[in-house]
């Protein structure tokens, strides 16, 4: 005969569960991981890949099935951003474990509500397990039931007439049960085939979506790494810049400061945050600073005096630019502060040196004017002397020509010779003839007097007396 199992035997006590705050992608991954995982309980094989129960604590909130996966995918939403609470199926048809332990109660509820999953809960609605239509079919063992009914039919045909009404009644029940079970089994097979096809297509789409999501995650990680590297680079540029850099709000309250600003103002970086910048401005420039800050709308460059926390006063060049929001409203300022005390000292020294140089230039100019005047006077005087020399030379030449006298000069150190213009006439040469060398000059002396001439030269050099010598000469014709 047919021994129907009770409710306890067909319940799956370890179904897949997930919290309402989890994302859809987590549920899909959970079902994916259990794709080939089957659980055997009470000789029943439980497939756990086509649904997941949404549970908060022990309270059942809803269910998420393959059909729900298809429904969410068609919405073209980001599966990693959608929460389970937004897409789960609810409210659920459930069966309290204490209400009935008969398997036909489960069968009736599945048929009545056209559902494939029936969660089992206790009296406090805490989840106990789940019964699926597939597990129910497996437990009923339809083939065995049909065989039993057919065997009963054969046995009942042998009964006698007194049992005919009962046989006819049993035959009607058998046929109805047989037809109903056949229709139900065919319907379940068709539905399971359709679900399997949809499940396969969904799994393929999920694999594609998972691969795309993985690639997107890798790109996001790479982009995040690049962005973080750029942020660190600019942060280091800001932090270790030689000038002082500050970020303030629209009222001049310091929001951020680099190491250069902390060194200039002699205050730790973290202690600068929250302090008004005006407290570090010298008293004589503070009013002007506040006035300029109120009117600031674009990039400007100022020079003003600062006073550090140690009381040291220094001059600084300030470059400031406004930060604005989308509506053009000023939200803050960017400040660049550089110490120009050394530059100002250098400028003052340069001005002083320039004044001294200007005085020296004036003095030197006056000296040059006097020297130039003296030079002009000397030039005029030399011109007069040169004119006088030329006049004297002309007179000398005239006198030498008149007296038939010539002048011959021999520089012994350089062995150079020089004579007057008239000297060449005495040798029958043209006027202004070049003076011959000492060797050539000996050829102009009469041969018999040449030794006498050389003796007179030697005597003059040795005795250091005037050179006096009388000799004959040979003219250009050899006379």
Protein backbone atom coordinates (compact mmCIF):
# COMPACT_ATOMS: atom_id res chain seq x y z
CA UNK A 1 0.00 0.00 0.00
CA UNK A 2 0.92 3.72 -0.21
CA UNK A 3 2.73 5.16 2.84
CA UNK A 4 2.69 8.95 2.52
CA UNK A 5 5.56 10.74 4.33
CA UNK A 6 4.75 13.26 7.01
CA UNK A 7 5.67 16.96 6.94
CA UNK A 8 8.82 16.49 8.99
CA UNK A 9 10.30 14.16 6.37
CA UNK A 10 10.03 16.56 3.42
CA UNK A 11 11.17 19.81 5.11
CA UNK A 12 14.58 21.18 4.07
CA UNK A 13 15.95 22.58 7.33
CA UNK A 14 19.02 24.35 5.90
CA UNK A 15 17.79 26.54 3.06
CA UNK A 16 19.84 29.41 1.61
CA UNK A 17 19.23 32.62 3.57
CA UNK A 18 20.32 36.23 3.24
CA UNK A 19 19.67 39.49 5.11
CA UNK A 20 17.35 42.26 3.75
CA UNK A 21 20.26 44.74 3.65
CA UNK A 22 22.33 42.55 1.33
CA UNK A 23 22.50 43.43 -2.35
CA UNK A 24 20.99 41.40 -5.18
CA UNK A 25 24.45 40.51 -6.49
CA UNK A 26 25.26 38.79 -3.19
CA UNK A 27 22.11 36.65 -3.49
CA UNK A 28 22.95 35.71 -7.09
CA UNK A 29 26.49 34.79 -6.11
CA UNK A 30 25.11 32.70 -3.25
CA UNK A 31 22.81 30.76 -5.61
CA UNK A 32 25.66 30.48 -8.14
CA UNK A 33 28.00 28.98 -5.54
CA UNK A 34 25.38 26.30 -4.73
CA UNK A 35 24.67 25.51 -8.38
CA UNK A 36 26.05 21.97 -8.16
CA UNK A 37 25.38 21.51 -4.44
CA UNK A 38 22.60 19.12 -3.47
CA UNK A 39 21.48 18.22 0.07
CA UNK A 40 20.00 14.82 0.92
CA UNK A 41 17.59 14.78 3.90
CA UNK A 42 15.36 11.78 4.75
CA UNK A 43 16.30 10.20 1.39
CA UNK A 44 15.08 13.35 -0.44
CA UNK A 45 17.44 15.35 -2.67
CA UNK A 46 17.09 19.09 -2.09
CA UNK A 47 18.24 21.41 -4.90
CA UNK A 48 19.18 24.77 -3.33
CA UNK A 49 20.12 26.92 -6.29
CA UNK A 50 16.82 28.42 -7.51
CA UNK A 51 15.77 30.42 -4.43
CA UNK A 52 17.05 32.20 -1.34
CA UNK A 53 15.05 33.17 1.75
CA UNK A 54 15.33 36.70 3.13
CA UNK A 55 15.66 36.47 6.92
CA UNK A 56 16.27 39.12 9.56
CA UNK A 57 17.31 37.46 12.78
CA UNK A 58 15.04 34.39 12.74
CA UNK A 59 12.06 36.20 11.21
CA UNK A 60 11.22 35.36 7.60
CA UNK A 61 10.85 38.53 5.53
CA UNK A 62 10.47 37.26 1.96
CA UNK A 63 11.82 35.03 -0.80
CA UNK A 64 13.95 35.73 -3.89
CA UNK A 65 13.69 33.22 -6.76
CA UNK A 66 14.99 32.82 -10.31
CA UNK A 67 11.88 34.60 -11.61
CA UNK A 68 12.75 37.54 -9.39
CA UNK A 69 16.28 37.50 -10.83
CA UNK A 70 14.88 37.74 -14.35
CA UNK A 71 12.53 40.52 -13.29
CA UNK A 72 15.36 42.60 -11.77
CA UNK A 73 17.68 42.04 -14.76
CA UNK A 74 15.05 43.38 -17.17
CA UNK A 75 15.04 46.66 -15.19
CA UNK A 76 18.71 47.32 -16.23
CA UNK A 77 19.65 48.36 -12.70
CA UNK A 78 22.96 48.02 -10.89
CA UNK A 79 22.66 44.64 -9.16
CA UNK A 80 25.37 45.58 -6.66
CA UNK A 81 23.36 48.63 -5.51
CA UNK A 82 19.83 47.15 -5.20
CA UNK A 83 18.93 45.83 -1.73
CA UNK A 84 17.08 42.55 -1.19
CA UNK A 85 14.38 44.34 0.79
CA UNK A 86 13.43 46.26 -2.37
CA UNK A 87 13.02 43.28 -4.73
CA UNK A 88 12.08 40.25 -2.60
CA UNK A 89 8.64 38.64 -2.95
CA UNK A 90 6.36 39.42 -0.04
CA UNK A 91 4.06 38.72 1.73
CA UNK A 92 4.69 34.99 1.74
CA UNK A 93 2.31 32.06 2.04
CA UNK A 94 3.66 30.04 4.97
CA UNK A 95 2.59 26.98 6.96
CA UNK A 96 2.92 26.77 10.70
CA UNK A 97 4.51 23.50 11.72
CA UNK A 98 1.97 22.98 14.53
CA UNK A 99 -1.05 23.52 12.23
CA UNK A 100 -0.73 20.24 10.33
CA UNK A 101 1.82 17.54 9.79
CA UNK A 102 -0.02 15.96 6.84
CA UNK A 103 1.69 16.16 3.49
CA UNK A 104 -1.61 16.71 1.68
CA UNK A 105 -1.97 20.04 3.48
CA UNK A 106 1.23 21.16 1.82
CA UNK A 107 -0.01 19.85 -1.52
CA UNK A 108 -3.31 21.73 -1.13
CA UNK A 109 -1.59 25.04 -0.30
CA UNK A 110 0.78 24.77 -3.27
CA UNK A 111 -2.13 24.06 -5.62
CA UNK A 112 -4.43 26.68 -4.11
CA UNK A 113 -1.93 29.57 -4.34
CA UNK A 114 -0.06 28.33 -7.46
CA UNK A 115 3.28 28.56 -5.68
CA UNK A 116 6.38 26.38 -5.80
CA UNK A 117 7.87 27.16 -2.36
CA UNK A 118 6.20 26.86 1.06
CA UNK A 119 8.25 28.10 4.04
CA UNK A 120 7.53 26.34 7.34
CA UNK A 121 7.49 28.52 10.50
CA UNK A 122 6.85 28.01 14.19
CA UNK A 123 4.15 29.71 16.27
CA UNK A 124 6.36 32.83 16.60
CA UNK A 125 6.87 33.02 12.81
CA UNK A 126 10.51 31.98 13.15
CA UNK A 127 11.81 30.10 10.12
CA UNK A 128 12.06 26.32 10.51
CA UNK A 129 12.66 25.25 6.90
CA UNK A 130 11.01 25.05 3.51
CA UNK A 131 9.09 22.58 1.35
CA UNK A 132 9.41 22.90 -2.41
CA UNK A 133 7.13 21.50 -5.06
CA UNK A 134 9.98 19.40 -6.43
CA UNK A 135 10.61 17.83 -3.02
CA UNK A 136 6.90 17.14 -2.62
CA UNK A 137 6.73 15.34 -5.98
CA UNK A 138 9.78 13.35 -5.06
CA UNK A 139 8.22 12.36 -1.71
CA UNK A 140 4.85 11.41 -3.22
CA UNK A 141 6.50 9.01 -5.73
CA UNK A 142 3.69 9.31 -8.26
CA UNK A 143 4.75 6.28 -10.26
CA UNK A 144 4.43 4.09 -7.19
CA UNK A 145 1.02 5.56 -6.36
CA UNK A 146 -0.26 4.88 -9.88
CA UNK A 147 1.04 1.30 -9.69
CA UNK A 148 -0.76 0.71 -6.39
CA UNK A 149 -3.99 2.12 -7.72
CA UNK A 150 -3.79 -0.11 -10.83
CA UNK A 151 -3.11 -3.15 -8.64
CA UNK A 152 -6.16 -2.31 -6.56
CA UNK A 153 -8.20 -2.06 -9.74
CA UNK A 154 -7.16 -5.52 -10.86
CA UNK A 155 -7.97 -7.00 -7.45
CA UNK A 156 -11.30 -5.27 -7.27
CA UNK A 157 -12.40 -6.69 -10.67
CA UNK A 158 -12.31 -10.18 -9.15
CA UNK A 159 -14.79 -9.29 -6.41
CA UNK A 160 -18.33 -10.54 -6.70
CA UNK A 161 -21.52 -8.77 -7.39
CA UNK A 162 -22.11 -7.69 -3.83
CA UNK A 163 -19.03 -5.53 -4.15
CA UNK A 164 -19.89 -4.01 -7.54
CA UNK A 165 -21.08 -0.65 -6.17
CA UNK A 166 -17.95 -0.37 -4.14
CA UNK A 167 -15.84 -1.39 -7.14
CA UNK A 168 -17.50 1.19 -9.33
CA UNK A 169 -16.94 3.86 -6.70
CA UNK A 170 -13.29 2.88 -6.31
CA UNK A 171 -12.90 2.81 -10.08
CA UNK A 172 -14.21 6.36 -10.31
CA UNK A 173 -11.88 7.47 -7.55
CA UNK A 174 -8.95 5.66 -9.21
CA UNK A 175 -9.59 7.24 -12.59
CA UNK A 176 -10.01 10.69 -11.09
CA UNK A 177 -6.85 10.31 -9.04
CA UNK A 178 -4.95 8.84 -11.97
CA UNK A 179 -6.03 11.61 -14.35
CA UNK A 180 -5.40 14.32 -11.83
CA UNK A 181 -1.96 13.01 -10.98
CA UNK A 182 -1.06 12.63 -14.68
CA UNK A 183 -2.16 16.17 -15.46
CA UNK A 184 -0.37 17.52 -12.43
CA UNK A 185 2.81 15.59 -13.22
CA UNK A 186 2.78 16.76 -16.86
CA UNK A 187 2.23 20.33 -15.78
CA UNK A 188 5.09 20.11 -13.29
CA UNK A 189 7.42 18.59 -15.89
CA UNK A 190 6.59 21.33 -18.39
CA UNK A 191 7.03 24.02 -15.78
CA UNK A 192 10.31 22.50 -14.58
CA UNK A 193 11.63 22.35 -18.15
CA UNK A 194 10.69 25.99 -18.70
CA UNK A 195 12.25 26.98 -15.38
CA UNK A 196 15.41 25.05 -16.24
CA UNK A 197 15.67 26.84 -19.60
CA UNK A 198 15.08 30.22 -17.96
CA UNK A 199 17.53 29.31 -15.23
CA UNK A 200 20.21 28.37 -17.78
CA UNK A 201 19.70 31.63 -19.70
CA UNK A 202 19.74 33.58 -16.46
CA UNK A 203 22.92 31.89 -15.30
CA UNK A 204 24.60 32.72 -18.60
CA UNK A 205 23.50 36.35 -18.31
CA UNK A 206 24.67 36.41 -14.72
CA UNK A 207 28.06 35.05 -15.71
CA UNK A 208 28.36 37.76 -18.36
CA UNK A 209 27.20 40.39 -15.90
CA UNK A 210 29.62 39.05 -13.28
CA UNK A 211 32.52 39.24 -15.75
CA UNK A 212 31.55 42.79 -16.76
CA UNK A 213 31.24 43.73 -13.12
CA UNK A 214 34.64 42.20 -12.39
CA UNK A 215 36.23 44.18 -15.23
CA UNK A 216 34.49 47.35 -14.04
CA UNK A 217 35.74 46.70 -10.51
CA UNK A 218 39.29 46.25 -11.81
CA UNK A 219 39.01 49.51 -13.76
CA UNK A 220 37.61 51.24 -10.69
CA UNK A 221 40.44 49.89 -8.54
CA UNK A 222 43.01 51.02 -11.12
CA UNK A 223 41.36 54.45 -11.42
CA UNK A 224 41.22 54.72 -7.63
CA UNK A 225 44.93 53.86 -7.40
CA UNK A 226 45.79 56.49 -10.03
CA UNK A 227 43.58 59.06 -8.31
CA UNK A 228 45.14 58.27 -4.93
CA UNK A 229 48.65 58.56 -6.38
CA UNK A 230 47.79 61.93 -7.94
CA UNK A 231 46.23 63.08 -4.67
CA UNK A 232 49.36 62.10 -2.74
CA UNK A 233 51.57 63.82 -5.31
CA UNK A 234 49.66 67.08 -5.09
CA UNK A 235 49.44 66.74 -1.33
CA UNK A 236 53.24 66.40 -1.17
CA UNK A 237 53.66 69.39 -3.51
CA UNK A 238 51.37 71.41 -1.25
CA UNK A 239 53.02 70.17 1.94
CA UNK A 240 56.67 70.62 0.99
CA UNK A 241 56.45 73.75 -1.17
CA UNK A 242 59.02 76.41 -0.14
CA UNK A 243 56.34 79.09 0.17
CA UNK A 244 53.67 79.11 2.84
CA UNK A 245 50.31 77.86 1.54
CA UNK A 246 47.01 78.32 3.36
CA UNK A 247 43.37 77.49 2.71
CA UNK A 248 40.81 79.67 4.50
CA UNK A 249 37.07 80.11 4.42
CA UNK A 250 35.43 83.30 3.12
CA UNK A 251 36.05 85.03 6.48
CA UNK A 252 39.77 84.24 6.51
CA UNK A 253 39.63 81.40 9.07
CA UNK A 254 42.47 78.96 8.38
CA UNK A 255 41.24 75.52 7.28
CA UNK A 256 44.52 74.00 6.11
CA UNK A 257 48.21 74.97 6.23
CA UNK A 258 51.43 73.47 4.89
CA UNK A 259 54.82 73.15 6.58
CA UNK A 260 56.10 76.39 4.98
CA UNK A 261 53.27 78.44 6.50
CA UNK A 262 53.82 76.86 9.91
CA UNK A 263 57.53 77.76 9.76
CA UNK A 264 56.86 81.37 8.70
CA UNK A 265 54.31 81.94 11.47
CA UNK A 266 56.15 79.82 14.10
CA UNK A 267 53.01 77.77 14.81
CA UNK A 268 52.40 74.05 14.43
CA UNK A 269 50.27 73.09 11.44
CA UNK A 270 47.43 71.58 13.48
CA UNK A 271 47.38 74.65 15.77
CA UNK A 272 46.97 76.98 12.78
CA UNK A 273 43.68 75.36 11.80
CA UNK A 274 40.70 77.37 13.08
CA UNK A 275 42.66 80.59 13.70
CA UNK A 276 41.90 83.85 11.81
CA UNK A 277 44.70 84.80 9.45
CA UNK A 278 44.39 88.44 10.51
CA UNK A 279 45.94 87.67 13.93
CA UNK A 280 49.25 87.12 12.15
CA UNK A 281 49.09 90.45 10.24
CA UNK A 282 51.08 93.39 11.67
CA UNK A 283 48.85 95.96 13.39
CA UNK A 284 49.60 98.69 10.86
CA UNK A 285 48.40 96.44 7.99
CA UNK A 286 45.47 94.62 9.67
CA UNK A 287 42.79 97.15 8.68
CA UNK A 288 43.97 97.17 5.09
CA UNK A 289 44.00 93.34 5.09
CA UNK A 290 40.38 93.08 6.27
CA UNK A 291 39.24 95.68 3.77
CA UNK A 292 40.90 93.86 0.87
CA UNK A 293 39.53 90.50 2.04
CA UNK A 294 35.93 91.78 1.94
CA UNK A 295 36.38 93.09 -1.61
CA UNK A 296 38.30 90.06 -2.91
CA UNK A 297 36.74 88.51 -6.03
CA UNK A 298 39.67 87.48 -8.22
CA UNK A 299 43.40 86.80 -8.12
CA UNK A 300 45.38 89.56 -6.39
CA UNK A 301 48.92 90.11 -5.15
CA UNK A 302 49.76 92.22 -2.09
CA UNK A 303 52.77 93.11 0.04
CA UNK A 304 52.30 93.51 3.76
CA UNK A 305 53.97 92.90 7.09
CA UNK A 306 53.35 89.77 9.19
CA UNK A 307 54.13 89.08 12.83
CA UNK A 308 54.93 85.48 13.81
CA UNK A 309 53.91 83.86 17.09
CA UNK A 310 57.43 84.60 18.37
CA UNK A 311 56.86 88.32 17.72
CA UNK A 312 59.24 88.53 14.76
CA UNK A 313 58.12 91.06 12.14
CA UNK A 314 58.75 90.19 8.49
CA UNK A 315 57.67 91.51 5.11
CA UNK A 316 55.82 89.10 2.83
CA UNK A 317 54.47 88.90 -0.68
CA UNK A 318 50.88 87.60 -0.59
CA UNK A 319 49.15 86.00 -3.56
CA UNK A 320 45.48 85.16 -3.01
CA UNK A 321 42.71 83.69 -5.16
CA UNK A 322 39.02 83.06 -4.41
CA UNK A 323 37.26 79.69 -4.38
CA UNK A 324 33.64 79.85 -5.57
CA UNK A 325 30.74 77.38 -5.73
CA UNK A 326 28.49 76.62 -8.69
CA UNK A 327 26.49 79.77 -8.04
CA UNK A 328 29.61 81.95 -8.09
CA UNK A 329 29.48 82.60 -4.33
CA UNK A 330 32.87 82.86 -2.61
CA UNK A 331 33.39 79.91 -0.30
CA UNK A 332 37.05 80.31 0.59
CA UNK A 333 40.51 81.55 -0.41
CA UNK A 334 43.84 80.07 -1.43
CA UNK A 335 46.87 81.92 -0.06
CA UNK A 336 50.55 81.88 -1.01
CA UNK A 337 52.89 83.69 1.40
CA UNK A 338 56.61 84.22 0.77
CA UNK A 339 59.06 86.03 3.02
CA UNK A 340 60.58 89.02 1.17
CA UNK A 341 62.53 90.51 4.11
CA UNK A 342 65.86 89.58 2.54
CA UNK A 343 64.73 91.00 -0.78
CA UNK A 344 63.75 94.29 0.81
CA UNK A 345 67.09 94.47 2.65
CA UNK A 346 68.84 93.80 -0.63
CA UNK A 347 66.75 96.46 -2.37
CA UNK A 348 67.64 98.97 0.37
CA UNK A 349 71.32 98.07 0.05
CA UNK A 350 71.08 98.41 -3.71
CA UNK A 351 69.46 101.82 -3.36
CA UNK A 352 72.21 102.90 -0.97
CA UNK A 353 74.89 101.57 -3.31
CA UNK A 354 73.14 103.30 -6.19
CA UNK A 355 73.23 106.62 -4.34
CA UNK A 356 76.92 106.18 -3.51
CA UNK A 357 77.64 105.19 -7.10
CA UNK A 358 75.74 108.19 -8.38
CA UNK A 359 77.85 110.49 -6.18
CA UNK A 360 81.03 108.78 -7.36
CA UNK A 361 79.92 109.09 -10.97
CA UNK A 362 79.32 112.80 -10.51
CA UNK A 363 82.73 113.23 -8.89
CA UNK A 364 84.44 111.18 -11.59
CA UNK A 365 82.58 113.07 -14.27
CA UNK A 366 83.83 116.35 -12.83
CA UNK A 367 87.36 114.96 -12.72
CA UNK A 368 87.06 113.80 -16.31
CA UNK A 369 85.81 117.22 -17.37
CA UNK A 370 88.87 118.84 -15.75
CA UNK A 371 91.20 116.19 -17.23
CA UNK A 372 89.62 116.66 -20.65
CA UNK A 373 90.07 120.41 -20.38
CA UNK A 374 93.74 119.90 -19.47
CA UNK A 375 94.13 117.44 -22.34
CA UNK A 376 92.65 119.94 -24.76
CA UNK A 377 95.07 122.57 -23.47
CA UNK A 378 97.99 120.10 -23.86
CA UNK A 379 96.85 119.28 -27.39
CA UNK A 380 96.77 122.95 -28.28
CA UNK A 381 100.17 123.43 -26.66
CA UNK A 382 101.60 120.41 -28.53
CA UNK A 383 100.21 121.76 -31.77
CA UNK A 384 102.01 125.03 -31.08
CA UNK A 385 105.23 123.14 -30.22
CA UNK A 386 104.88 120.97 -33.35
CA UNK A 387 104.38 124.06 -35.46
CA UNK A 388 107.43 125.64 -33.85
CA UNK A 389 109.47 122.46 -34.46
CA UNK A 390 108.37 122.35 -38.06
CA UNK A 391 109.32 125.99 -38.43
CA UNK A 392 112.70 125.38 -36.74
CA UNK A 393 113.31 122.32 -38.89
CA UNK A 394 112.57 124.33 -42.01
CA UNK A 395 114.99 127.01 -40.89
CA UNK A 396 117.63 124.34 -40.09
CA UNK A 397 117.19 122.74 -43.49
CA UNK A 398 117.51 126.12 -45.17
CA UNK A 399 120.67 126.86 -43.18
CA UNK A 400 122.18 123.44 -43.95
CA UNK A 401 121.48 123.89 -47.64
CA UNK A 402 122.98 127.34 -47.64
CA UNK A 403 126.11 126.23 -45.78
CA UNK A 404 126.43 122.93 -47.71
CA UNK A 405 126.35 121.13 -44.34
CA UNK A 406 124.86 117.73 -43.51
CA UNK A 407 124.04 115.86 -40.31
CA UNK A 408 124.66 112.12 -39.95
CA UNK A 409 123.51 110.21 -36.80
CA UNK A 410 124.35 106.65 -35.82
CA UNK A 411 122.53 104.86 -32.93
CA UNK A 412 125.06 102.34 -31.82
CA UNK A 413 122.64 100.31 -29.60
CA UNK A 414 120.17 99.68 -32.44
CA UNK A 415 122.69 100.04 -35.28
CA UNK A 416 120.34 102.49 -36.98
CA UNK A 417 121.57 105.44 -39.04
CA UNK A 418 119.88 108.74 -39.82
CA UNK A 419 120.93 111.85 -41.81
CA UNK A 420 119.54 115.19 -42.73
CA UNK A 421 117.76 115.70 -46.09
CA UNK A 422 120.70 117.70 -47.42
CA UNK A 423 123.22 114.98 -46.60
CA UNK A 424 122.40 113.03 -49.72
CA UNK A 425 123.18 116.05 -51.92
CA UNK A 426 126.77 115.97 -50.73
CA UNK A 427 127.05 112.44 -52.13
CA UNK A 428 125.40 113.42 -55.38
CA UNK A 429 122.11 111.81 -54.33
CA UNK A 430 118.66 113.39 -54.70
CA UNK A 431 117.21 115.54 -51.90
CA UNK A 432 115.57 113.58 -49.08
CA UNK A 433 117.33 110.35 -50.08
CA UNK A 434 117.14 107.53 -47.47
CA UNK A 435 120.09 107.16 -45.20
CA UNK A 436 122.14 104.03 -46.00
CA UNK A 437 123.06 101.47 -43.32
CA UNK A 438 126.41 101.63 -41.53
CA UNK A 439 127.86 99.03 -43.92
CA UNK A 440 126.60 100.93 -46.96
CA UNK A 441 127.85 104.20 -45.45
CA UNK A 442 131.46 102.86 -45.49
CA UNK A 443 131.15 102.43 -49.24
CA UNK A 444 130.57 106.19 -49.56
CA UNK A 445 134.02 106.87 -47.95
CA UNK A 446 137.07 107.01 -50.11
CA UNK A 447 138.79 103.60 -49.86
CA UNK A 448 142.08 104.95 -48.56
CA UNK A 449 140.23 106.87 -45.75
CA UNK A 450 137.97 104.05 -44.56
CA UNK A 451 140.43 102.64 -42.06
CA UNK A 452 141.08 106.11 -40.71
CA UNK A 453 137.29 106.55 -40.28
CA UNK A 454 136.98 103.30 -38.35
CA UNK A 455 139.94 104.25 -36.13
CA UNK A 456 138.31 107.56 -35.28
CA UNK A 457 135.06 105.77 -34.35
CA UNK A 458 136.90 103.34 -32.09
CA UNK A 459 138.82 106.15 -30.43
CA UNK A 460 135.65 108.11 -29.73
CA UNK A 461 133.94 105.06 -28.20
CA UNK A 462 136.90 104.03 -26.09
CA UNK A 463 137.86 107.51 -24.88
CA UNK A 464 134.24 108.70 -24.74
CA UNK A 465 135.15 111.90 -26.57
CA UNK A 466 133.47 113.70 -29.42
CA UNK A 467 133.78 112.06 -32.79
CA UNK A 468 135.87 114.17 -35.16
CA UNK A 469 137.12 112.83 -38.49
CA UNK A 470 138.14 114.25 -41.80
CA UNK A 471 137.92 112.01 -44.86
CA UNK A 472 137.14 112.01 -48.48
CA UNK A 473 133.92 110.72 -49.97
CA UNK A 474 132.90 108.97 -53.17
CA UNK A 475 129.84 110.28 -54.98
CA UNK A 476 127.26 108.20 -56.84
CA UNK A 477 129.39 108.45 -60.00
CA UNK A 478 132.38 106.93 -58.21
CA UNK A 479 134.37 110.22 -58.20
